Amino acid sequence: MGNCRYDEEFKSEAVRMVVEDKRTYHSVEKALGIGNGVLKDWVEKYRKRNTINSFEKGDLEAENRELKKRVEQITRERDILKKSSGHLLKGPESIYKFIAGYHTEFTVQEMCRILNVSQWFLQVV
């Protein structure tokens, strides 16, 4: 087939048949009536484009993991503050009782940091 122009949808489908369906260049070219070697150029362009995108995708996935971790941390901090709000005004003893009561739900270190009390005092009591 001489100088035929193929639309992007046609090219994408041909490339998909090679990349995803694992068909040979020859079988796809024959089935679609594409000239020899044309499909290989399309696949190479596709792979170059997706290699660049995969690096960007990796960066985005790493950032997404970091953000999920941060959301989890902020949610725990919020929960500690919500649950401890009644104890905060009553003074340190009440705060330490709260920490002792919730040590199975949150880490002691985390609660002490958020409630701004010494972890050392808990070891003495």
PDB file of N, CA and C in Angstrom:
ATOM      1  N   MET A   1       0.852  -1.174   0.000  1.00  0.00           N
ATOM      2  CA  MET A   1       0.000   0.000   0.000  1.00  0.00           C
ATOM      3  C   MET A   1       0.890   1.226   0.000  1.00  0.00           C
ATOM      4  N   GLY A   2       0.863   2.018  -0.981  1.00  0.00           N
ATOM      5  CA  GLY A   2       1.703   3.193  -1.172  1.00  0.00           C
ATOM      6  C   GLY A   2       1.674   4.157  -0.005  1.00  0.00           C
ATOM      7  N   ASN A   3       1.484   5.418  -0.304  1.00  0.00           N
ATOM      8  CA  ASN A   3       1.508   6.458   0.716  1.00  0.00           C
ATOM      9  C   ASN A   3       0.132   6.651   1.343  1.00  0.00           C
ATOM     10  N   CYS A   4      -0.349   5.660   2.060  1.00  0.00           N
ATOM     11  CA  CYS A   4      -1.647   5.752   2.730  1.00  0.00           C
ATOM     12  C   CYS A   4      -1.493   6.516   4.037  1.00  0.00           C
ATOM     13  N   ARG A   5      -2.520   7.248   4.383  1.00  0.00           N
ATOM     14  CA  ARG A   5      -2.573   7.945   5.671  1.00  0.00           C
ATOM     15  C   ARG A   5      -3.565   7.193   6.547  1.00  0.00           C
ATOM     16  N   TYR A   6      -3.147   6.882   7.751  1.00  0.00           N
ATOM     17  CA  TYR A   6      -4.007   6.176   8.693  1.00  0.00           C
ATOM     18  C   TYR A   6      -4.338   7.115   9.837  1.00  0.00           C
ATOM     19  N   ASP A   7      -5.596   7.077  10.308  1.00  0.00           N
ATOM     20  CA  ASP A   7      -5.958   7.951  11.426  1.00  0.00           C
ATOM     21  C   ASP A   7      -5.391   7.396  12.738  1.00  0.00           C
ATOM     22  N   GLU A   8      -5.377   8.234  13.752  1.00  0.00           N
ATOM     23  CA  GLU A   8      -4.765   7.872  15.040  1.00  0.00           C
ATOM     24  C   GLU A   8      -5.449   6.673  15.688  1.00  0.00           C
ATOM     25  N   GLU A   9      -6.740   6.573  15.545  1.00  0.00           N
ATOM     26  CA  GLU A   9      -7.476   5.447  16.126  1.00  0.00           C
ATOM     27  C   GLU A   9      -7.031   4.120  15.503  1.00  0.00           C
ATOM     28  N   PHE A  10      -6.855   4.130  14.194  1.00  0.00           N
ATOM     29  CA  PHE A  10      -6.399   2.937  13.489  1.00  0.00           C
ATOM     30  C   PHE A  10      -4.992   2.547  13.956  1.00  0.00           C
ATOM     31  N   LYS A  11      -4.116   3.556  14.039  1.00  0.00           N
ATOM     32  CA  LYS A  11      -2.744   3.300  14.489  1.00  0.00           C
ATOM     33  C   LYS A  11      -2.732   2.752  15.915  1.00  0.00           C
ATOM     34  N   SER A  12      -3.527   3.361  16.781  1.00  0.00           N
ATOM     35  CA  SER A  12      -3.578   2.931  18.186  1.00  0.00           C
ATOM     36  C   SER A  12      -4.037   1.489  18.305  1.00  0.00           C
ATOM     37  N   GLU A  13      -5.023   1.139  17.529  1.00  0.00           N
ATOM     38  CA  GLU A  13      -5.529  -0.239  17.571  1.00  0.00           C
ATOM     39  C   GLU A  13      -4.475  -1.219  17.058  1.00  0.00           C
ATOM     40  N   ALA A  14      -3.779  -0.859  16.015  1.00  0.00           N
ATOM     41  CA  ALA A  14      -2.725  -1.724  15.476  1.00  0.00           C
ATOM     42  C   ALA A  14      -1.606  -1.902  16.501  1.00  0.00           C
ATOM     43  N   VAL A  15      -1.207  -0.808  17.140  1.00  0.00           N
ATOM     44  CA  VAL A  15      -0.160  -0.868  18.166  1.00  0.00           C
ATOM     45  C   VAL A  15      -0.623  -1.713  19.339  1.00  0.00           C
ATOM     46  N   ARG A  16      -1.872  -1.537  19.751  1.00  0.00           N
ATOM     47  CA  ARG A  16      -2.431  -2.321  20.862  1.00  0.00           C
ATOM     48  C   ARG A  16      -2.357  -3.821  20.567  1.00  0.00           C
ATOM     49  N   MET A  17      -2.627  -4.187  19.335  1.00  0.00           N
ATOM     50  CA  MET A  17      -2.591  -5.604  18.952  1.00  0.00           C
ATOM     51  C   MET A  17      -1.185  -6.184  19.144  1.00  0.00           C
ATOM     52  N   VAL A  18      -0.159  -5.371  18.895  1.00  0.00           N
ATOM     53  CA  VAL A  18       1.223  -5.834  19.062  1.00  0.00           C
ATOM     54  C   VAL A  18       1.621  -5.801  20.535  1.00  0.00           C
ATOM     55  N   VAL A  19       1.364  -4.669  21.190  1.00  0.00           N
ATOM     56  CA  VAL A  19       1.849  -4.454  22.553  1.00  0.00           C
ATOM     57  C   VAL A  19       1.061  -5.269  23.582  1.00  0.00           C
ATOM     58  N   GLU A  20      -0.256  -5.208  23.531  1.00  0.00           N
ATOM     59  CA  GLU A  20      -1.071  -5.870  24.545  1.00  0.00           C
ATOM     60  C   GLU A  20      -1.426  -7.313  24.185  1.00  0.00           C
ATOM     61  N   ASP A  21      -1.791  -7.530  22.926  1.00  0.00           N
ATOM     62  CA  ASP A  21      -2.190  -8.881  22.507  1.00  0.00           C
ATOM     63  C   ASP A  21      -1.003  -9.764  22.159  1.00  0.00           C
ATOM     64  N   LYS A  22       0.199  -9.161  22.119  1.00  0.00           N
ATOM     65  CA  LYS A  22       1.447  -9.885  21.841  1.00  0.00           C
ATOM     66  C   LYS A  22       1.451 -10.558  20.468  1.00  0.00           C
ATOM     67  N   ARG A  23       0.803  -9.934  19.506  1.00  0.00           N
ATOM     68  CA  ARG A  23       0.826 -10.474  18.152  1.00  0.00           C
ATOM     69  C   ARG A  23       2.077  -9.990  17.435  1.00  0.00           C
ATOM     70  N   THR A  24       2.492 -10.699  16.416  1.00  0.00           N
ATOM     71  CA  THR A  24       3.693 -10.314  15.673  1.00  0.00           C
ATOM     72  C   THR A  24       3.376  -9.148  14.745  1.00  0.00           C
ATOM     73  N   TYR A  25       4.428  -8.414  14.404  1.00  0.00           N
ATOM     74  CA  TYR A  25       4.253  -7.314  13.453  1.00  0.00           C
ATOM     75  C   TYR A  25       3.651  -7.834  12.157  1.00  0.00           C
ATOM     76  N   HIS A  26       4.221  -8.927  11.683  1.00  0.00           N
ATOM     77  CA  HIS A  26       3.799  -9.470  10.391  1.00  0.00           C
ATOM     78  C   HIS A  26       2.307  -9.833  10.397  1.00  0.00           C
ATOM     79  N   SER A  27       1.852 -10.503  11.458  1.00  0.00           N
ATOM     80  CA  SER A  27       0.446 -10.928  11.472  1.00  0.00           C
ATOM     81  C   SER A  27      -0.509  -9.736  11.524  1.00  0.00           C
ATOM     82  N   VAL A  28      -0.149  -8.700  12.261  1.00  0.00           N
ATOM     83  CA  VAL A  28      -1.007  -7.516  12.355  1.00  0.00           C
ATOM     84  C   VAL A  28      -0.981  -6.746  11.032  1.00  0.00           C
ATOM     85  N   GLU A  29       0.210  -6.586  10.469  1.00  0.00           N
ATOM     86  CA  GLU A  29       0.314  -5.897   9.180  1.00  0.00           C
ATOM     87  C   GLU A  29      -0.512  -6.612   8.115  1.00  0.00           C
ATOM     88  N   LYS A  30      -0.439  -7.924   8.109  1.00  0.00           N
ATOM     89  CA  LYS A  30      -1.183  -8.715   7.122  1.00  0.00           C
ATOM     90  C   LYS A  30      -2.686  -8.586   7.356  1.00  0.00           C
ATOM     91  N   ALA A  31      -3.113  -8.688   8.634  1.00  0.00           N
ATOM     92  CA  ALA A  31      -4.539  -8.626   8.956  1.00  0.00           C
ATOM     93  C   ALA A  31      -5.137  -7.256   8.642  1.00  0.00           C
ATOM     94  N   LEU A  32      -4.361  -6.209   8.815  1.00  0.00           N
ATOM     95  CA  LEU A  32      -4.890  -4.854   8.614  1.00  0.00           C
ATOM     96  C   LEU A  32      -4.511  -4.256   7.258  1.00  0.00           C
ATOM     97  N   GLY A  33      -3.701  -4.971   6.511  1.00  0.00           N
ATOM     98  CA  GLY A  33      -3.303  -4.486   5.188  1.00  0.00           C
ATOM     99  C   GLY A  33      -2.336  -3.307   5.252  1.00  0.00           C
ATOM    100  N   ILE A  34      -1.462  -3.337   6.222  1.00  0.00           N
ATOM    101  CA  ILE A  34      -0.470  -2.268   6.395  1.00  0.00           C
ATOM    102  C   ILE A  34       0.822  -2.702   5.713  1.00  0.00           C
ATOM    103  N   GLY A  35       1.519  -1.755   5.126  1.00  0.00           N
ATOM    104  CA  GLY A  35       2.792  -2.055   4.473  1.00  0.00           C
ATOM    105  C   GLY A  35       3.844  -2.506   5.480  1.00  0.00           C
ATOM    106  N   ASN A  36       4.816  -3.288   5.001  1.00  0.00           N
ATOM    107  CA  ASN A  36       5.870  -3.804   5.874  1.00  0.00           C
ATOM    108  C   ASN A  36       6.679  -2.678   6.503  1.00  0.00           C
ATOM    109  N   GLY A  37       6.933  -2.794   7.796  1.00  0.00           N
ATOM    110  CA  GLY A  37       7.773  -1.843   8.505  1.00  0.00           C
ATOM    111  C   GLY A  37       7.050  -0.646   9.089  1.00  0.00           C
ATOM    112  N   VAL A  38       5.874  -0.350   8.594  1.00  0.00           N
ATOM    113  CA  VAL A  38       5.139   0.822   9.085  1.00  0.00           C
ATOM    114  C   VAL A  38       4.730   0.629  10.540  1.00  0.00           C
ATOM    115  N   LEU A  39       4.215  -0.531  10.842  1.00  0.00           N
ATOM    116  CA  LEU A  39       3.737  -0.820  12.195  1.00  0.00           C
ATOM    117  C   LEU A  39       4.871  -0.744  13.216  1.00  0.00           C
ATOM    118  N   LYS A  40       6.050  -1.192  12.823  1.00  0.00           N
ATOM    119  CA  LYS A  40       7.193  -1.154  13.739  1.00  0.00           C
ATOM    120  C   LYS A  40       7.503   0.287  14.141  1.00  0.00           C
ATOM    121  N   ASP A  41       7.421   1.217  13.195  1.00  0.00           N
ATOM    122  CA  ASP A  41       7.640   2.635  13.503  1.00  0.00           C
ATOM    123  C   ASP A  41       6.601   3.140  14.495  1.00  0.00           C
ATOM    124  N   TRP A  42       5.344   2.760  14.311  1.00  0.00           N
ATOM    125  CA  TRP A  42       4.270   3.191  15.208  1.00  0.00           C
ATOM    126  C   TRP A  42       4.509   2.656  16.622  1.00  0.00           C
ATOM    127  N   VAL A  43       4.903   1.391  16.710  1.00  0.00           N
ATOM    128  CA  VAL A  43       5.136   0.773  18.015  1.00  0.00           C
ATOM    129  C   VAL A  43       6.326   1.441  18.712  1.00  0.00           C
ATOM    130  N   GLU A  44       7.383   1.731  17.972  1.00  0.00           N
ATOM    131  CA  GLU A  44       8.548   2.389  18.562  1.00  0.00           C
ATOM    132  C   GLU A  44       8.191   3.776  19.088  1.00  0.00           C
ATOM    133  N   LYS A  45       7.398   4.528  18.337  1.00  0.00           N
ATOM    134  CA  LYS A  45       6.950   5.847  18.804  1.00  0.00           C
ATOM    135  C   LYS A  45       6.105   5.701  20.072  1.00  0.00           C
ATOM    136  N   TYR A  46       5.232   4.710  20.065  1.00  0.00           N
ATOM    137  CA  TYR A  46       4.380   4.457  21.238  1.00  0.00           C
ATOM    138  C   TYR A  46       5.235   4.137  22.463  1.00  0.00           C
ATOM    139  N   ARG A  47       6.216   3.278  22.299  1.00  0.00           N
ATOM    140  CA  ARG A  47       7.072   2.877  23.423  1.00  0.00           C
ATOM    141  C   ARG A  47       7.902   4.050  23.944  1.00  0.00           C
ATOM    142  N   LYS A  48       8.407   4.879  23.061  1.00  0.00           N
ATOM    143  CA  LYS A  48       9.167   6.067  23.492  1.00  0.00           C
ATOM    144  C   LYS A  48       8.277   6.992  24.307  1.00  0.00           C
ATOM    145  N   ARG A  49       7.089   7.224  23.796  1.00  0.00           N
ATOM    146  CA  ARG A  49       6.136   8.104  24.480  1.00  0.00           C
ATOM    147  C   ARG A  49       5.779   7.542  25.856  1.00  0.00           C
ATOM    148  N   ASN A  50       5.551   6.246  25.948  1.00  0.00           N
ATOM    149  CA  ASN A  50       5.153   5.633  27.217  1.00  0.00           C
ATOM    150  C   ASN A  50       6.313   5.459  28.181  1.00  0.00           C
ATOM    151  N   THR A  51       7.535   5.376  27.688  1.00  0.00           N
ATOM    152  CA  THR A  51       8.694   5.310  28.582  1.00  0.00           C
ATOM    153  C   THR A  51       8.814   6.612  29.346  1.00  0.00           C
ATOM    154  N   ILE A  52       8.651   7.711  28.650  1.00  0.00           N
ATOM    155  CA  ILE A  52       8.694   9.022  29.299  1.00  0.00           C
ATOM    156  C   ILE A  52       7.551   9.119  30.300  1.00  0.00           C
ATOM    157  N   ASN A  53       6.367   8.708  29.896  1.00  0.00           N
ATOM    158  CA  ASN A  53       5.218   8.777  30.788  1.00  0.00           C
ATOM    159  C   ASN A  53       5.371   7.869  31.994  1.00  0.00           C
ATOM    160  N   SER A  54       6.065   6.740  31.837  1.00  0.00           N
ATOM    161  CA  SER A  54       6.215   5.832  32.966  1.00  0.00           C
ATOM    162  C   SER A  54       7.106   6.442  34.042  1.00  0.00           C
ATOM    163  N   PHE A  55       8.108   7.257  33.634  1.00  0.00           N
ATOM    164  CA  PHE A  55       8.924   7.951  34.631  1.00  0.00           C
ATOM    165  C   PHE A  55       8.067   8.949  35.390  1.00  0.00           C
ATOM    166  N   GLU A  56       7.258   9.713  34.666  1.00  0.00           N
ATOM    167  CA  GLU A  56       6.369  10.660  35.297  1.00  0.00           C
ATOM    168  C   GLU A  56       5.365   9.928  36.179  1.00  0.00           C
ATOM    169  N   LYS A  57       4.875   8.805  35.698  1.00  0.00           N
ATOM    170  CA  LYS A  57       3.909   8.023  36.456  1.00  0.00           C
ATOM    171  C   LYS A  57       4.538   7.526  37.751  1.00  0.00           C
ATOM    172  N   GLY A  58       5.789   7.095  37.697  1.00  0.00           N
ATOM    173  CA  GLY A  58       6.488   6.644  38.891  1.00  0.00           C
ATOM    174  C   GLY A  58       6.605   7.753  39.913  1.00  0.00           C
ATOM    175  N   ASP A  59       6.917   8.960  39.441  1.00  0.00           N
ATOM    176  CA  ASP A  59       6.997  10.114  40.340  1.00  0.00           C
ATOM    177  C   ASP A  59       5.647  10.401  40.977  1.00  0.00           C
ATOM    178  N   LEU A  60       4.602  10.330  40.172  1.00  0.00           N
ATOM    179  CA  LEU A  60       3.257  10.586  40.687  1.00  0.00           C
ATOM    180  C   LEU A  60       2.831   9.531  41.700  1.00  0.00           C
ATOM    181  N   GLU A  61       3.182   8.280  41.435  1.00  0.00           N
ATOM    182  CA  GLU A  61       2.833   7.211  42.369  1.00  0.00           C
ATOM    183  C   GLU A  61       3.557   7.383  43.693  1.00  0.00           C
ATOM    184  N   ALA A  62       4.820   7.791  43.634  1.00  0.00           N
ATOM    185  CA  ALA A  62       5.582   8.028  44.864  1.00  0.00           C
ATOM    186  C   ALA A  62       4.978   9.194  45.646  1.00  0.00           C
ATOM    187  N   GLU A  63       4.642  10.241  44.939  1.00  0.00           N
ATOM    188  CA  GLU A  63       4.024  11.400  45.602  1.00  0.00           C
ATOM    189  C   GLU A  63       2.672  11.011  46.199  1.00  0.00           C
ATOM    190  N   ASN A  64       1.923  10.196  45.486  1.00  0.00           N
ATOM    191  CA  ASN A  64       0.623   9.738  45.970  1.00  0.00           C
ATOM    192  C   ASN A  64       0.776   8.933  47.256  1.00  0.00           C
ATOM    193  N   ARG A  65       1.777   8.040  47.299  1.00  0.00           N
ATOM    194  CA  ARG A  65       2.025   7.260  48.519  1.00  0.00           C
ATOM    195  C   ARG A  65       2.355   8.176  49.693  1.00  0.00           C
ATOM    196  N   GLU A  66       3.215   9.172  49.429  1.00  0.00           N
ATOM    197  CA  GLU A  66       3.594  10.129  50.479  1.00  0.00           C
ATOM    198  C   GLU A  66       2.376  10.892  50.986  1.00  0.00           C
ATOM    199  N   LEU A  67       1.532  11.327  50.061  1.00  0.00           N
ATOM    200  CA  LEU A  67       0.349  12.090  50.453  1.00  0.00           C
ATOM    201  C   LEU A  67      -0.638  11.232  51.236  1.00  0.00           C
ATOM    202  N   LYS A  68      -0.794   9.974  50.837  1.00  0.00           N
ATOM    203  CA  LYS A  68      -1.678   9.072  51.591  1.00  0.00           C
ATOM    204  C   LYS A  68      -1.162   8.872  53.007  1.00  0.00           C
ATOM    205  N   LYS A  69       0.154   8.730  53.141  1.00  0.00           N
ATOM    206  CA  LYS A  69       0.770   8.581  54.459  1.00  0.00           C
ATOM    207  C   LYS A  69       0.498   9.817  55.312  1.00  0.00           C
ATOM    208  N   ARG A  70       0.653  10.975  54.686  1.00  0.00           N
ATOM    209  CA  ARG A  70       0.447  12.243  55.401  1.00  0.00           C
ATOM    210  C   ARG A  70      -1.015  12.394  55.827  1.00  0.00           C
ATOM    211  N   VAL A  71      -1.950  12.038  54.957  1.00  0.00           N
ATOM    212  CA  VAL A  71      -3.378  12.104  55.291  1.00  0.00           C
ATOM    213  C   VAL A  71      -3.677  11.183  56.463  1.00  0.00           C
ATOM    214  N   GLU A  72      -3.093  10.002  56.448  1.00  0.00           N
ATOM    215  CA  GLU A  72      -3.269   9.045  57.541  1.00  0.00           C
ATOM    216  C   GLU A  72      -2.770   9.641  58.861  1.00  0.00           C
ATOM    217  N   GLN A  73      -1.600  10.273  58.808  1.00  0.00           N
ATOM    218  CA  GLN A  73      -1.013  10.881  60.010  1.00  0.00           C
ATOM    219  C   GLN A  73      -1.902  12.016  60.522  1.00  0.00           C
ATOM    220  N   ILE A  74      -2.358  12.871  59.634  1.00  0.00           N
ATOM    221  CA  ILE A  74      -3.197  14.000  60.037  1.00  0.00           C
ATOM    222  C   ILE A  74      -4.523  13.508  60.602  1.00  0.00           C
ATOM    223  N   THR A  75      -5.062  12.445  60.029  1.00  0.00           N
ATOM    224  CA  THR A  75      -6.309  11.879  60.535  1.00  0.00           C
ATOM    225  C   THR A  75      -6.116  11.352  61.951  1.00  0.00           C
ATOM    226  N   ARG A  76      -5.000  10.671  62.220  1.00  0.00           N
ATOM    227  CA  ARG A  76      -4.712  10.183  63.582  1.00  0.00           C
ATOM    228  C   ARG A  76      -4.579  11.352  64.553  1.00  0.00           C
ATOM    229  N   GLU A  77      -3.867  12.390  64.114  1.00  0.00           N
ATOM    230  CA  GLU A  77      -3.697  13.564  64.975  1.00  0.00           C
ATOM    231  C   GLU A  77      -5.049  14.193  65.296  1.00  0.00           C
ATOM    232  N   ARG A  78      -5.886  14.319  64.296  1.00  0.00           N
ATOM    233  CA  ARG A  78      -7.227  14.875  64.505  1.00  0.00           C
ATOM    234  C   ARG A  78      -8.016  14.024  65.488  1.00  0.00           C
ATOM    235  N   ASP A  79      -7.960  12.701  65.313  1.00  0.00           N
ATOM    236  CA  ASP A  79      -8.696  11.796  66.200  1.00  0.00           C
ATOM    237  C   ASP A  79      -8.224  11.919  67.649  1.00  0.00           C
ATOM    238  N   ILE A  80      -6.911  12.023  67.826  1.00  0.00           N
ATOM    239  CA  ILE A  80      -6.363  12.185  69.182  1.00  0.00           C
ATOM    240  C   ILE A  80      -6.873  13.479  69.791  1.00  0.00           C
ATOM    241  N   LEU A  81      -6.827  14.563  69.030  1.00  0.00           N
ATOM    242  CA  LEU A  81      -7.277  15.855  69.555  1.00  0.00           C
ATOM    243  C   LEU A  81      -8.773  15.854  69.851  1.00  0.00           C
ATOM    244  N   LYS A  82      -9.557  15.214  68.986  1.00  0.00           N
ATOM    245  CA  LYS A  82     -11.002  15.150  69.231  1.00  0.00           C
ATOM    246  C   LYS A  82     -11.306  14.364  70.503  1.00  0.00           C
ATOM    247  N   LYS A  83     -10.666  13.214  70.642  1.00  0.00           N
ATOM    248  CA  LYS A  83     -10.950  12.349  71.789  1.00  0.00           C
ATOM    249  C   LYS A  83     -10.394  12.905  73.098  1.00  0.00           C
ATOM    250  N   SER A  84      -9.359  13.722  73.006  1.00  0.00           N
ATOM    251  CA  SER A  84      -8.734  14.236  74.226  1.00  0.00           C
ATOM    252  C   SER A  84      -9.241  15.619  74.615  1.00  0.00           C
ATOM    253  N   SER A  85     -10.104  16.204  73.826  1.00  0.00           N
ATOM    254  CA  SER A  85     -10.498  17.596  74.058  1.00  0.00           C
ATOM    255  C   SER A  85     -11.044  17.829  75.464  1.00  0.00           C
ATOM    256  N   GLY A  86     -11.815  16.913  76.015  1.00  0.00           N
ATOM    257  CA  GLY A  86     -12.351  17.070  77.365  1.00  0.00           C
ATOM    258  C   GLY A  86     -11.268  17.001  78.429  1.00  0.00           C
ATOM    259  N   HIS A  87     -10.179  16.339  78.154  1.00  0.00           N
ATOM    260  CA  HIS A  87      -9.090  16.174  79.124  1.00  0.00           C
ATOM    261  C   HIS A  87      -8.108  17.344  79.110  1.00  0.00           C
ATOM    262  N   LEU A  88      -8.035  18.053  77.989  1.00  0.00           N
ATOM    263  CA  LEU A  88      -7.029  19.107  77.836  1.00  0.00           C
ATOM    264  C   LEU A  88      -7.216  20.245  78.842  1.00  0.00           C
ATOM    265  N   LEU A  89      -8.450  20.586  79.149  1.00  0.00           N
ATOM    266  CA  LEU A  89      -8.712  21.705  80.049  1.00  0.00           C
ATOM    267  C   LEU A  89      -8.555  21.317  81.524  1.00  0.00           C
ATOM    268  N   LYS A  90      -8.552  20.023  81.805  1.00  0.00           N
ATOM    269  CA  LYS A  90      -8.501  19.563  83.188  1.00  0.00           C
ATOM    270  C   LYS A  90      -7.081  19.463  83.734  1.00  0.00           C
ATOM    271  N   GLY A  91      -6.099  19.604  82.888  1.00  0.00           N
ATOM    272  CA  GLY A  91      -4.733  19.593  83.349  1.00  0.00           C
ATOM    273  C   GLY A  91      -3.982  18.331  83.006  1.00  0.00           C
ATOM    274  N   PRO A  92      -2.687  18.310  83.367  1.00  0.00           N
ATOM    275  CA  PRO A  92      -1.793  17.215  82.977  1.00  0.00           C
ATOM    276  C   PRO A  92      -2.231  15.838  83.475  1.00  0.00           C
ATOM    277  N   GLU A  93      -2.726  15.736  84.696  1.00  0.00           N
ATOM    278  CA  GLU A  93      -3.126  14.418  85.214  1.00  0.00           C
ATOM    279  C   GLU A  93      -4.206  13.797  84.347  1.00  0.00           C
ATOM    280  N   SER A  94      -5.158  14.604  83.945  1.00  0.00           N
ATOM    281  CA  SER A  94      -6.247  14.117  83.099  1.00  0.00           C
ATOM    282  C   SER A  94      -5.721  13.707  81.729  1.00  0.00           C
ATOM    283  N   ILE A  95      -4.768  14.474  81.227  1.00  0.00           N
ATOM    284  CA  ILE A  95      -4.172  14.144  79.924  1.00  0.00           C
ATOM    285  C   ILE A  95      -3.439  12.809  80.013  1.00  0.00           C
ATOM    286  N   TYR A  96      -2.692  12.589  81.103  1.00  0.00           N
ATOM    287  CA  TYR A  96      -1.969  11.324  81.270  1.00  0.00           C
ATOM    288  C   TYR A  96      -2.929  10.149  81.443  1.00  0.00           C
ATOM    289  N   LYS A  97      -4.065  10.382  82.080  1.00  0.00           N
ATOM    290  CA  LYS A  97      -5.081   9.322  82.193  1.00  0.00           C
ATOM    291  C   LYS A  97      -5.646   8.992  80.812  1.00  0.00           C
ATOM    292  N   PHE A  98      -5.858  10.042  80.025  1.00  0.00           N
ATOM    293  CA  PHE A  98      -6.331   9.828  78.656  1.00  0.00           C
ATOM    294  C   PHE A  98      -5.328   8.981  77.873  1.00  0.00           C
ATOM    295  N   ILE A  99      -4.053   9.330  77.964  1.00  0.00           N
ATOM    296  CA  ILE A  99      -3.004   8.597  77.248  1.00  0.00           C
ATOM    297  C   ILE A  99      -2.978   7.142  77.691  1.00  0.00           C
ATOM    298  N   ALA A 100      -3.076   6.922  78.998  1.00  0.00           N
ATOM    299  CA  ALA A 100      -3.087   5.549  79.517  1.00  0.00           C
ATOM    300  C   ALA A 100      -4.297   4.780  78.996  1.00  0.00           C
ATOM    301  N   GLY A 101      -5.413   5.454  78.869  1.00  0.00           N
ATOM    302  CA  GLY A 101      -6.634   4.793  78.402  1.00  0.00           C
ATOM    303  C   GLY A 101      -6.646   4.494  76.915  1.00  0.00           C
ATOM    304  N   TYR A 102      -5.914   5.262  76.124  1.00  0.00           N
ATOM    305  CA  TYR A 102      -5.937   5.101  74.665  1.00  0.00           C
ATOM    306  C   TYR A 102      -4.633   4.561  74.088  1.00  0.00           C
ATOM    307  N   HIS A 103      -3.765   4.034  74.945  1.00  0.00           N
ATOM    308  CA  HIS A 103      -2.457   3.571  74.451  1.00  0.00           C
ATOM    309  C   HIS A 103      -2.556   2.391  73.484  1.00  0.00           C
ATOM    310  N   THR A 104      -3.684   1.696  73.477  1.00  0.00           N
ATOM    311  CA  THR A 104      -3.838   0.594  72.514  1.00  0.00           C
ATOM    312  C   THR A 104      -4.318   1.090  71.145  1.00  0.00           C
ATOM    313  N   GLU A 105      -4.928   2.268  71.132  1.00  0.00           N
ATOM    314  CA  GLU A 105      -5.446   2.814  69.874  1.00  0.00           C
ATOM    315  C   GLU A 105      -4.416   3.694  69.155  1.00  0.00           C
ATOM    316  N   PHE A 106      -3.641   4.446  69.937  1.00  0.00           N
ATOM    317  CA  PHE A 106      -2.619   5.330  69.395  1.00  0.00           C
ATOM    318  C   PHE A 106      -1.310   5.047  70.128  1.00  0.00           C
ATOM    319  N   THR A 107      -0.195   5.399  69.515  1.00  0.00           N
ATOM    320  CA  THR A 107       1.070   5.207  70.219  1.00  0.00           C
ATOM    321  C   THR A 107       1.227   6.293  71.277  1.00  0.00           C
ATOM    322  N   VAL A 108       1.863   5.925  72.384  1.00  0.00           N
ATOM    323  CA  VAL A 108       2.086   6.862  73.484  1.00  0.00           C
ATOM    324  C   VAL A 108       2.937   8.026  72.995  1.00  0.00           C
ATOM    325  N   GLN A 109       3.953   7.712  72.243  1.00  0.00           N
ATOM    326  CA  GLN A 109       4.849   8.754  71.720  1.00  0.00           C
ATOM    327  C   GLN A 109       4.067   9.765  70.879  1.00  0.00           C
ATOM    328  N   GLU A 110       3.186   9.268  70.030  1.00  0.00           N
ATOM    329  CA  GLU A 110       2.395  10.146  69.167  1.00  0.00           C
ATOM    330  C   GLU A 110       1.451  11.022  70.001  1.00  0.00           C
ATOM    331  N   MET A 111       0.790  10.430  70.982  1.00  0.00           N
ATOM    332  CA  MET A 111      -0.131  11.208  71.814  1.00  0.00           C
ATOM    333  C   MET A 111       0.614  12.273  72.610  1.00  0.00           C
ATOM    334  N   CYS A 112       1.765  11.920  73.175  1.00  0.00           N
ATOM    335  CA  CYS A 112       2.553  12.894  73.944  1.00  0.00           C
ATOM    336  C   CYS A 112       3.010  14.045  73.065  1.00  0.00           C
ATOM    337  N   ARG A 113       3.413  13.739  71.845  1.00  0.00           N
ATOM    338  CA  ARG A 113       3.859  14.791  70.927  1.00  0.00           C
ATOM    339  C   ARG A 113       2.711  15.729  70.580  1.00  0.00           C
ATOM    340  N   ILE A 114       1.557  15.171  70.264  1.00  0.00           N
ATOM    341  CA  ILE A 114       0.411  15.980  69.845  1.00  0.00           C
ATOM    342  C   ILE A 114      -0.166  16.775  71.020  1.00  0.00           C
ATOM    343  N   LEU A 115      -0.204  16.157  72.198  1.00  0.00           N
ATOM    344  CA  LEU A 115      -0.782  16.821  73.369  1.00  0.00           C
ATOM    345  C   LEU A 115       0.240  17.658  74.131  1.00  0.00           C
ATOM    346  N   ASN A 116       1.473  17.651  73.643  1.00  0.00           N
ATOM    347  CA  ASN A 116       2.553  18.474  74.192  1.00  0.00           C
ATOM    348  C   ASN A 116       2.809  18.189  75.676  1.00  0.00           C
ATOM    349  N   VAL A 117       2.952  16.899  75.992  1.00  0.00           N
ATOM    350  CA  VAL A 117       3.309  16.496  77.349  1.00  0.00           C
ATOM    351  C   VAL A 117       4.517  15.583  77.279  1.00  0.00           C
ATOM    352  N   SER A 118       5.194  15.437  78.395  1.00  0.00           N
ATOM    353  CA  SER A 118       6.402  14.633  78.438  1.00  0.00           C
ATOM    354  C   SER A 118       6.072  13.148  78.493  1.00  0.00           C
ATOM    355  N   GLN A 119       6.742  12.401  77.695  1.00  0.00           N
ATOM    356  CA  GLN A 119       6.583  10.947  77.703  1.00  0.00           C
ATOM    357  C   GLN A 119       7.294  10.375  78.942  1.00  0.00           C
ATOM    358  N   TRP A 120       8.290  11.051  79.410  1.00  0.00           N
ATOM    359  CA  TRP A 120       9.053  10.616  80.560  1.00  0.00           C
ATOM    360  C   TRP A 120       8.171  10.484  81.795  1.00  0.00           C
ATOM    361  N   PHE A 121       7.243  11.416  81.964  1.00  0.00           N
ATOM    362  CA  PHE A 121       6.372  11.432  83.133  1.00  0.00           C
ATOM    363  C   PHE A 121       5.553  10.133  83.218  1.00  0.00           C
ATOM    364  N   LEU A 122       5.161   9.598  82.084  1.00  0.00           N
ATOM    365  CA  LEU A 122       4.384   8.364  82.060  1.00  0.00           C
ATOM    366  C   LEU A 122       5.184   7.187  82.633  1.00  0.00           C
ATOM    367  N   GLN A 123       6.471   7.200  82.425  1.00  0.00           N
ATOM    368  CA  GLN A 123       7.309   6.105  82.930  1.00  0.00           C
ATOM    369  C   GLN A 123       7.444   6.192  84.447  1.00  0.00           C
ATOM    370  N   VAL A 124       7.359   7.394  84.979  1.00  0.00           N
ATOM    371  CA  VAL A 124       7.493   7.595  86.427  1.00  0.00           C
ATOM    372  C   VAL A 124       6.212   7.193  87.133  1.00  0.00           C
ATOM    373  N   VAL A 125       5.069   7.532  86.518  1.00  0.00           N
ATOM    374  CA  VAL A 125       3.763   7.288  87.146  1.00  0.00           C
ATOM    375  C   VAL A 125       3.417   5.848  87.203  1.00  0.00           C
TER     376      VAL A 125
END
